[in-house]
Amino acid sequence: MTKTAIKKRGDKLIVAAQNRQLDVVNRLLKLSKSVNLQNKIGNTALIQAAMYGYSGIVNRLLDCKQIDVNVKNRVGWTALIYAAMYGHSDIVNRLLDCKNIDVNFQDKYENTALIYASKYRNSDVVNRLTEFQKKQIHEGFELSYSHGSLYVPVDLIKLIIDFCV
């Protein structure tokens, strides 16, 4: 398949995701593995679906092995940032289930998904992102301790988490 054909399928995939056409998304994914292609402003099908709150399409795209959940557009916004910004809690939860999600990614304005969720007063998303970050910090300390490289008392870990998040 030529690069032009792949690009056209990628554009169609993005438009189908944006227009909530799950059947078209399914057909295009069977024809091409280029799930991470970006349009002129840098959005992927995942970013478009997350922005509009189309959880069915987000779920289908996240089932693709090649999906990169951390792709950013020209402004530096990711699917997680859009979902957090627009208060799509179900999509935020699904993205947080992805092993390699970067919740601390900063856009070109140095804002994160948590900052946008807070700015737009999406309290459910703020709470979920905060809990996720607390869990990451705690797991980081546990991992260091299990490898014998660091011991930090539990009460100190709690203070660190409360201070950081």
C-alpha atoms as a PDB file:
ATOM      1  CA  MET A   1       0.000   0.000   0.000  1.00  0.00           C
ATOM      2  CA  THR A   2       1.364   3.439  -0.898  1.00  0.00           C
ATOM      3  CA  LYS A   3       1.924   6.219   1.618  1.00  0.00           C
ATOM      4  CA  THR A   4      -0.819   8.230  -0.068  1.00  0.00           C
ATOM      5  CA  ALA A   5      -3.314   5.368   0.329  1.00  0.00           C
ATOM      6  CA  ILE A   6      -2.330   4.936   3.985  1.00  0.00           C
ATOM      7  CA  LYS A   7      -2.708   8.685   4.589  1.00  0.00           C
ATOM      8  CA  LYS A   8      -6.173   8.705   2.975  1.00  0.00           C
ATOM      9  CA  ARG A   9      -7.279   5.774   5.133  1.00  0.00           C
ATOM     10  CA  GLY A  10      -5.884   7.576   8.174  1.00  0.00           C
ATOM     11  CA  ASP A  11      -7.844  10.720   7.318  1.00  0.00           C
ATOM     12  CA  LYS A  12     -10.985   8.630   6.815  1.00  0.00           C
ATOM     13  CA  LEU A  13     -10.410   6.926  10.161  1.00  0.00           C
ATOM     14  CA  ILE A  14     -10.111  10.296  11.900  1.00  0.00           C
ATOM     15  CA  VAL A  15     -13.295  11.589  10.237  1.00  0.00           C
ATOM     16  CA  ALA A  16     -15.175   8.375  11.067  1.00  0.00           C
ATOM     17  CA  ALA A  17     -14.073   8.620  14.705  1.00  0.00           C
ATOM     18  CA  GLN A  18     -15.107  12.274  14.826  1.00  0.00           C
ATOM     19  CA  ASN A  19     -18.512  11.444  13.344  1.00  0.00           C
ATOM     20  CA  ARG A  20     -19.163   8.518  15.695  1.00  0.00           C
ATOM     21  CA  GLN A  21     -19.222   5.954  12.868  1.00  0.00           C
ATOM     22  CA  LEU A  22     -18.107   2.811  14.669  1.00  0.00           C
ATOM     23  CA  ASP A  23     -18.911   0.530  11.730  1.00  0.00           C
ATOM     24  CA  VAL A  24     -16.689   2.612   9.435  1.00  0.00           C
ATOM     25  CA  VAL A  25     -13.928   2.694  12.076  1.00  0.00           C
ATOM     26  CA  ASN A  26     -14.075  -1.108  12.281  1.00  0.00           C
ATOM     27  CA  ARG A  27     -13.845  -1.510   8.494  1.00  0.00           C
ATOM     28  CA  LEU A  28     -10.941   0.917   8.179  1.00  0.00           C
ATOM     29  CA  LEU A  29      -9.028  -0.745  11.009  1.00  0.00           C
ATOM     30  CA  LYS A  30      -9.323  -4.077   9.192  1.00  0.00           C
ATOM     31  CA  LEU A  31      -7.816  -2.496   6.065  1.00  0.00           C
ATOM     32  CA  SER A  32      -4.945  -0.655   7.707  1.00  0.00           C
ATOM     33  CA  LYS A  33      -2.881  -0.786  10.871  1.00  0.00           C
ATOM     34  CA  SER A  34      -2.154   2.959  10.707  1.00  0.00           C
ATOM     35  CA  VAL A  35      -4.212   3.842  13.758  1.00  0.00           C
ATOM     36  CA  ASN A  36      -1.858   6.651  14.858  1.00  0.00           C
ATOM     37  CA  LEU A  37      -1.943   8.779  11.709  1.00  0.00           C
ATOM     38  CA  GLN A  38      -2.520  12.472  12.337  1.00  0.00           C
ATOM     39  CA  ASN A  39      -4.517  15.080  10.435  1.00  0.00           C
ATOM     40  CA  LYS A  40      -3.300  18.592   9.578  1.00  0.00           C
ATOM     41  CA  ILE A  41      -3.625  19.813  13.161  1.00  0.00           C
ATOM     42  CA  GLY A  42      -2.090  16.662  14.556  1.00  0.00           C
ATOM     43  CA  ASN A  43      -5.199  14.935  15.847  1.00  0.00           C
ATOM     44  CA  THR A  44      -5.535  11.171  15.630  1.00  0.00           C
ATOM     45  CA  ALA A  45      -8.736   9.146  15.579  1.00  0.00           C
ATOM     46  CA  LEU A  46      -8.243   8.533  19.313  1.00  0.00           C
ATOM     47  CA  ILE A  47      -7.863  12.243  20.039  1.00  0.00           C
ATOM     48  CA  GLN A  48     -11.011  13.045  18.036  1.00  0.00           C
ATOM     49  CA  ALA A  49     -13.062  10.328  19.736  1.00  0.00           C
ATOM     50  CA  ALA A  50     -11.823  11.378  23.191  1.00  0.00           C
ATOM     51  CA  MET A  51     -12.581  15.040  22.467  1.00  0.00           C
ATOM     52  CA  TYR A  52     -16.172  14.310  21.462  1.00  0.00           C
ATOM     53  CA  GLY A  53     -16.747  11.757  24.217  1.00  0.00           C
ATOM     54  CA  TYR A  54     -17.312   8.745  21.974  1.00  0.00           C
ATOM     55  CA  SER A  55     -16.394   5.989  24.412  1.00  0.00           C
ATOM     56  CA  GLY A  56     -17.341   3.131  22.061  1.00  0.00           C
ATOM     57  CA  ILE A  57     -14.891   4.357  19.458  1.00  0.00           C
ATOM     58  CA  VAL A  58     -12.238   5.071  22.099  1.00  0.00           C
ATOM     59  CA  ASN A  59     -12.601   1.505  23.371  1.00  0.00           C
ATOM     60  CA  ARG A  60     -12.309   0.078  19.855  1.00  0.00           C
ATOM     61  CA  LEU A  61      -9.197   2.131  19.087  1.00  0.00           C
ATOM     62  CA  LEU A  62      -7.593   1.170  22.403  1.00  0.00           C
ATOM     63  CA  ASP A  63      -8.038  -2.488  21.445  1.00  0.00           C
ATOM     64  CA  CYS A  64      -5.487  -1.940  18.648  1.00  0.00           C
ATOM     65  CA  LYS A  65      -2.034  -3.158  19.642  1.00  0.00           C
ATOM     66  CA  GLN A  66      -0.329  -0.345  17.723  1.00  0.00           C
ATOM     67  CA  ILE A  67      -2.237   2.478  19.421  1.00  0.00           C
ATOM     68  CA  ASP A  68      -0.099   5.195  20.974  1.00  0.00           C
ATOM     69  CA  VAL A  69      -2.183   6.832  23.696  1.00  0.00           C
ATOM     70  CA  ASN A  70       0.352   9.620  24.169  1.00  0.00           C
ATOM     71  CA  VAL A  71       0.303  11.088  20.650  1.00  0.00           C
ATOM     72  CA  LYS A  72       0.018  14.857  20.865  1.00  0.00           C
ATOM     73  CA  ASN A  73      -1.346  17.356  18.371  1.00  0.00           C
ATOM     74  CA  ARG A  74       0.251  20.678  17.367  1.00  0.00           C
ATOM     75  CA  VAL A  75      -0.804  22.327  20.620  1.00  0.00           C
ATOM     76  CA  GLY A  76       0.522  19.377  22.579  1.00  0.00           C
ATOM     77  CA  TRP A  77      -2.869  18.035  23.577  1.00  0.00           C
ATOM     78  CA  THR A  78      -3.378  14.291  23.941  1.00  0.00           C
ATOM     79  CA  ALA A  79      -6.518  12.179  24.114  1.00  0.00           C
ATOM     80  CA  LEU A  80      -6.248  12.284  27.918  1.00  0.00           C
ATOM     81  CA  ILE A  81      -6.018  16.078  27.974  1.00  0.00           C
ATOM     82  CA  TYR A  82      -9.112  16.414  25.771  1.00  0.00           C
ATOM     83  CA  ALA A  83     -11.096  13.878  27.803  1.00  0.00           C
ATOM     84  CA  ALA A  84     -10.090  15.637  31.040  1.00  0.00           C
ATOM     85  CA  MET A  85     -10.844  19.079  29.621  1.00  0.00           C
ATOM     86  CA  TYR A  86     -14.334  18.123  28.477  1.00  0.00           C
ATOM     87  CA  GLY A  87     -15.145  16.026  31.552  1.00  0.00           C
ATOM     88  CA  HIS A  88     -15.469  12.659  29.823  1.00  0.00           C
ATOM     89  CA  SER A  89     -14.871  10.598  32.980  1.00  0.00           C
ATOM     90  CA  ASP A  90     -15.508   7.246  31.318  1.00  0.00           C
ATOM     91  CA  ILE A  91     -12.849   7.944  28.695  1.00  0.00           C
ATOM     92  CA  VAL A  92     -10.394   9.260  31.286  1.00  0.00           C
ATOM     93  CA  ASN A  93     -10.861   6.015  33.241  1.00  0.00           C
ATOM     94  CA  ARG A  94     -10.346   3.902  30.132  1.00  0.00           C
ATOM     95  CA  LEU A  95      -7.195   5.820  29.162  1.00  0.00           C
ATOM     96  CA  LEU A  96      -5.827   5.466  32.697  1.00  0.00           C
ATOM     97  CA  ASP A  97      -6.163   1.702  32.275  1.00  0.00           C
ATOM     98  CA  CYS A  98      -3.539   1.881  29.517  1.00  0.00           C
ATOM     99  CA  LYS A  99      -0.185   0.689  30.763  1.00  0.00           C
ATOM    100  CA  ASN A 100       1.892   3.401  29.101  1.00  0.00           C
ATOM    101  CA  ILE A 101      -0.357   6.445  29.624  1.00  0.00           C
ATOM    102  CA  ASP A 102       1.585   9.574  30.584  1.00  0.00           C
ATOM    103  CA  VAL A 103      -0.664  11.478  32.996  1.00  0.00           C
ATOM    104  CA  ASN A 104       2.007  14.086  33.660  1.00  0.00           C
ATOM    105  CA  PHE A 105       2.527  15.026  30.026  1.00  0.00           C
ATOM    106  CA  GLN A 106       2.653  18.811  29.578  1.00  0.00           C
ATOM    107  CA  ASP A 107       1.392  20.607  26.494  1.00  0.00           C
ATOM    108  CA  LYS A 108       3.223  23.555  24.970  1.00  0.00           C
ATOM    109  CA  TYR A 109       1.688  25.786  27.663  1.00  0.00           C
ATOM    110  CA  GLU A 110       3.088  23.467  30.384  1.00  0.00           C
ATOM    111  CA  ASN A 111      -0.397  22.303  31.413  1.00  0.00           C
ATOM    112  CA  THR A 112      -1.357  18.718  32.195  1.00  0.00           C
ATOM    113  CA  ALA A 113      -4.662  16.858  31.993  1.00  0.00           C
ATOM    114  CA  LEU A 114      -5.142  17.517  35.726  1.00  0.00           C
ATOM    115  CA  ILE A 115      -4.685  21.264  35.250  1.00  0.00           C
ATOM    116  CA  TYR A 116      -7.257  21.342  32.431  1.00  0.00           C
ATOM    117  CA  ALA A 117      -9.732  19.229  34.386  1.00  0.00           C
ATOM    118  CA  SER A 118      -9.366  21.638  37.287  1.00  0.00           C
ATOM    119  CA  LYS A 119      -9.591  24.731  35.075  1.00  0.00           C
ATOM    120  CA  TYR A 120     -12.842  23.500  33.530  1.00  0.00           C
ATOM    121  CA  ARG A 121     -14.202  22.383  36.915  1.00  0.00           C
ATOM    122  CA  ASN A 122     -14.515  18.705  36.069  1.00  0.00           C
ATOM    123  CA  SER A 123     -14.296  17.534  39.664  1.00  0.00           C
ATOM    124  CA  ASP A 124     -14.843  13.820  38.945  1.00  0.00           C
ATOM    125  CA  VAL A 125     -11.914  13.856  36.537  1.00  0.00           C
ATOM    126  CA  VAL A 126      -9.774  15.891  38.961  1.00  0.00           C
ATOM    127  CA  ASN A 127     -10.445  13.347  41.706  1.00  0.00           C
ATOM    128  CA  ARG A 128      -9.695  10.391  39.425  1.00  0.00           C
ATOM    129  CA  LEU A 129      -6.433  11.878  38.112  1.00  0.00           C
ATOM    130  CA  THR A 130      -5.343  12.819  41.636  1.00  0.00           C
ATOM    131  CA  GLU A 131      -6.018   9.297  42.915  1.00  0.00           C
ATOM    132  CA  PHE A 132      -4.164   7.839  39.948  1.00  0.00           C
ATOM    133  CA  GLN A 133      -1.118  10.014  40.640  1.00  0.00           C
ATOM    134  CA  LYS A 134      -1.167   9.104  44.336  1.00  0.00           C
ATOM    135  CA  LYS A 135      -1.236   5.434  43.378  1.00  0.00           C
ATOM    136  CA  GLN A 136       1.703   5.928  40.995  1.00  0.00           C
ATOM    137  CA  ILE A 137       3.787   7.615  43.706  1.00  0.00           C
ATOM    138  CA  HIS A 138       2.963   4.896  46.229  1.00  0.00           C
ATOM    139  CA  GLU A 139       3.765   2.124  43.730  1.00  0.00           C
ATOM    140  CA  GLY A 140       7.067   3.834  42.920  1.00  0.00           C
ATOM    141  CA  PHE A 141       8.101   3.750  46.570  1.00  0.00           C
ATOM    142  CA  GLU A 142       6.970   0.122  46.906  1.00  0.00           C
ATOM    143  CA  LEU A 143       8.982  -0.869  43.851  1.00  0.00           C
ATOM    144  CA  SER A 144      12.114   0.847  45.161  1.00  0.00           C
ATOM    145  CA  TYR A 145      11.674  -0.833  48.534  1.00  0.00           C
ATOM    146  CA  SER A 146      11.124  -4.279  46.979  1.00  0.00           C
ATOM    147  CA  HIS A 147      14.423  -3.953  45.106  1.00  0.00           C
ATOM    148  CA  GLY A 148      16.224  -3.019  48.320  1.00  0.00           C
ATOM    149  CA  SER A 149      17.272   0.341  46.946  1.00  0.00           C
ATOM    150  CA  LEU A 150      15.154   2.556  49.169  1.00  0.00           C
ATOM    151  CA  TYR A 151      13.232   2.375  52.398  1.00  0.00           C
ATOM    152  CA  VAL A 152      10.792   5.139  53.254  1.00  0.00           C
ATOM    153  CA  PRO A 153       8.429   4.782  56.216  1.00  0.00           C
ATOM    154  CA  VAL A 154       4.751   4.542  55.248  1.00  0.00           C
ATOM    155  CA  ASP A 155       3.798   7.706  57.160  1.00  0.00           C
ATOM    156  CA  LEU A 156       6.466   9.657  55.261  1.00  0.00           C
ATOM    157  CA  ILE A 157       5.151   8.294  51.941  1.00  0.00           C
ATOM    158  CA  LYS A 158       1.687   9.572  52.898  1.00  0.00           C
ATOM    159  CA  LEU A 159       3.114  13.029  53.650  1.00  0.00           C
ATOM    160  CA  ILE A 160       4.949  13.067  50.314  1.00  0.00           C
ATOM    161  CA  ILE A 161       1.816  12.054  48.429  1.00  0.00           C
ATOM    162  CA  ASP A 162      -0.303  14.643  50.225  1.00  0.00           C
ATOM    163  CA  PHE A 163       2.271  17.321  49.473  1.00  0.00           C
ATOM    164  CA  CYS A 164       2.791  16.396  45.816  1.00  0.00           C
ATOM    165  CA  VAL A 165      -0.760  15.751  44.728  1.00  0.00           C
END
